[in-house]
Amino acid sequence: MKQDDEGLITEINVIPLVDIVLVILIIFLLVAQIMGPSVFKIKLPEAGNPDQSKGSPVTVWINQEGKLALNGYIVTESELLESVRKWLGEDSDLQVILSADERVFYGDAVRVLDILKKEGVKKLALQVQPK
């Protein structure tokens, strides 16, 4: 620490500030991970014998208003396309699960399925709630 002739400290100690900022950042990251999958409140339709998926699929959500989310993050159609293209470049056997609220218009779900098929996704699944 530097002191001038009168004994006053002339430096600012930034270590406590850095500690506080890092703690806030860690809290934000933890909350984002916890909140990610529940971006939308979706009521899935029921099915008698749903298939169980294997591997690590990509999940696309459509909420009641028709808004999209990709792996827990709200996206636009163009962002969805960009992400799917990137993942298909890395893994041509990409599996995508569509989770649509049962109150979503049929046309909205079909539009998203068409987008995914046009991009080359071969493994598409619909997520349903078992009866």
Protein backbone atom coordinates (compact mmCIF):
# COMPACT_ATOMS: atom_id res chain seq x y z
CA MET A 1 0.00 0.00 0.00
CA LYS A 2 1.16 3.46 -0.77
CA GLN A 3 0.90 6.15 1.82
CA ASP A 4 1.56 9.79 1.29
CA ASP A 5 3.23 12.11 3.78
CA GLU A 6 0.11 12.51 5.93
CA GLY A 7 -0.49 8.75 6.36
CA LEU A 8 -3.48 8.44 3.98
CA ILE A 9 -3.91 5.30 1.88
CA THR A 10 -4.04 6.32 -1.79
CA GLU A 11 -4.66 2.91 -3.45
CA ILE A 12 -8.03 1.27 -3.97
CA ASN A 13 -8.25 -2.37 -2.92
CA VAL A 14 -10.21 -4.14 -5.69
CA ILE A 15 -9.89 -7.71 -4.39
CA PRO A 16 -13.18 -7.61 -2.42
CA LEU A 17 -14.94 -6.22 -5.50
CA VAL A 18 -13.59 -9.04 -7.67
CA ASP A 19 -14.70 -11.60 -5.07
CA ILE A 20 -18.22 -10.22 -5.03
CA VAL A 21 -18.46 -10.14 -8.82
CA LEU A 22 -17.29 -13.76 -9.09
CA VAL A 23 -19.81 -14.92 -6.48
CA ILE A 24 -22.62 -13.13 -8.34
CA LEU A 25 -21.47 -14.71 -11.61
CA ILE A 26 -21.45 -18.20 -10.06
CA ILE A 27 -24.94 -17.67 -8.64
CA PHE A 28 -26.19 -16.47 -12.04
CA LEU A 29 -24.74 -19.51 -13.82
CA LEU A 30 -26.28 -21.92 -11.31
CA VAL A 31 -29.70 -20.29 -11.57
CA ALA A 32 -29.51 -20.32 -15.38
CA GLN A 33 -28.81 -24.06 -15.36
CA ILE A 34 -31.70 -24.75 -13.01
CA MET A 35 -34.15 -22.53 -14.87
CA GLY A 36 -33.12 -23.62 -18.38
CA PRO A 37 -35.36 -26.64 -18.93
CA SER A 38 -38.42 -24.91 -17.54
CA VAL A 39 -38.45 -21.98 -19.94
CA PHE A 40 -42.02 -22.79 -20.88
CA LYS A 41 -44.79 -24.45 -18.92
CA ILE A 42 -45.81 -27.15 -21.37
CA LYS A 43 -48.61 -29.66 -20.91
CA LEU A 44 -47.64 -32.62 -23.07
CA PRO A 45 -50.26 -34.74 -24.82
CA GLU A 46 -50.66 -38.31 -23.58
CA ALA A 47 -49.82 -41.48 -25.50
CA GLY A 48 -50.42 -45.14 -24.69
CA ASN A 49 -46.94 -46.51 -25.43
CA PRO A 50 -44.30 -43.80 -25.82
CA ASP A 51 -40.84 -44.74 -27.16
CA GLN A 52 -37.82 -44.14 -24.99
CA SER A 53 -35.05 -42.16 -26.70
CA LYS A 54 -31.38 -43.05 -26.48
CA GLY A 55 -28.34 -40.80 -26.63
CA SER A 56 -28.22 -37.07 -26.13
CA PRO A 57 -30.92 -35.50 -28.29
CA VAL A 58 -31.62 -31.85 -28.98
CA THR A 59 -34.97 -30.67 -27.62
CA VAL A 60 -37.18 -28.07 -29.29
CA TRP A 61 -40.09 -26.68 -27.27
CA ILE A 62 -43.17 -24.90 -28.57
CA ASN A 63 -45.29 -23.18 -25.95
CA GLN A 64 -48.99 -22.35 -26.15
CA GLU A 65 -48.29 -19.02 -27.87
CA GLY A 66 -46.13 -20.71 -30.52
CA LYS A 67 -42.79 -19.42 -29.17
CA LEU A 68 -39.75 -21.65 -29.63
CA ALA A 69 -37.04 -22.78 -27.23
CA LEU A 70 -33.98 -24.86 -28.03
CA ASN A 71 -32.42 -26.89 -25.21
CA GLY A 72 -33.97 -24.56 -22.66
CA TYR A 73 -33.19 -21.23 -24.32
CA ILE A 74 -35.75 -19.09 -26.14
CA VAL A 75 -34.87 -18.79 -29.84
CA THR A 76 -36.28 -17.47 -33.08
CA GLU A 77 -36.78 -19.65 -36.17
CA SER A 78 -33.57 -18.30 -37.72
CA GLU A 79 -31.58 -19.08 -34.56
CA LEU A 80 -33.11 -22.57 -34.53
CA LEU A 81 -32.01 -23.10 -38.14
CA GLU A 82 -28.50 -21.84 -37.44
CA SER A 83 -28.06 -24.11 -34.41
CA VAL A 84 -29.46 -27.19 -36.16
CA ARG A 85 -27.17 -26.62 -39.15
CA LYS A 86 -24.17 -26.36 -36.83
CA TRP A 87 -25.08 -29.55 -34.95
CA LEU A 88 -25.78 -31.45 -38.18
CA GLY A 89 -22.31 -30.47 -39.36
CA GLU A 90 -20.86 -32.06 -36.23
CA ASP A 91 -23.22 -35.07 -36.09
CA SER A 92 -25.17 -36.14 -39.18
CA ASP A 93 -27.12 -38.61 -36.99
CA LEU A 94 -28.62 -35.81 -34.86
CA GLN A 95 -31.79 -36.67 -32.97
CA VAL A 96 -34.32 -33.90 -32.29
CA ILE A 97 -37.23 -34.19 -29.88
CA LEU A 98 -40.16 -31.82 -30.36
CA SER A 99 -42.02 -30.98 -27.15
CA ALA A 100 -45.14 -29.04 -28.00
CA ASP A 101 -47.88 -27.99 -25.62
CA GLU A 102 -51.07 -29.91 -26.36
CA ARG A 103 -52.83 -26.58 -26.96
CA VAL A 104 -50.40 -25.56 -29.74
CA PHE A 105 -51.97 -25.18 -33.17
CA TYR A 106 -51.28 -28.21 -35.32
CA GLY A 107 -49.85 -25.96 -38.02
CA ASP A 108 -47.18 -24.53 -35.68
CA ALA A 109 -45.89 -28.01 -34.83
CA VAL A 110 -45.92 -29.09 -38.48
CA ARG A 111 -44.07 -25.90 -39.50
CA VAL A 112 -41.24 -26.67 -37.03
CA LEU A 113 -41.13 -30.32 -38.15
CA ASP A 114 -40.87 -29.17 -41.78
CA ILE A 115 -38.04 -26.78 -40.91
CA LEU A 116 -36.11 -29.59 -39.21
CA LYS A 117 -36.70 -32.05 -42.06
CA LYS A 118 -35.61 -29.51 -44.71
CA GLU A 119 -32.35 -29.02 -42.81
CA GLY A 120 -31.67 -32.77 -42.97
CA VAL A 121 -32.68 -34.02 -39.52
CA LYS A 122 -33.55 -37.68 -40.00
CA LYS A 123 -34.36 -38.63 -36.42
CA LEU A 124 -37.37 -36.68 -35.22
CA ALA A 125 -39.50 -37.58 -32.22
CA LEU A 126 -42.50 -36.07 -30.47
CA GLN A 127 -42.36 -35.97 -26.69
CA VAL A 128 -45.56 -37.13 -25.02
CA GLN A 129 -46.76 -37.81 -21.49
CA PRO A 130 -47.40 -41.51 -20.75
CA LYS A 131 -51.00 -42.33 -19.78
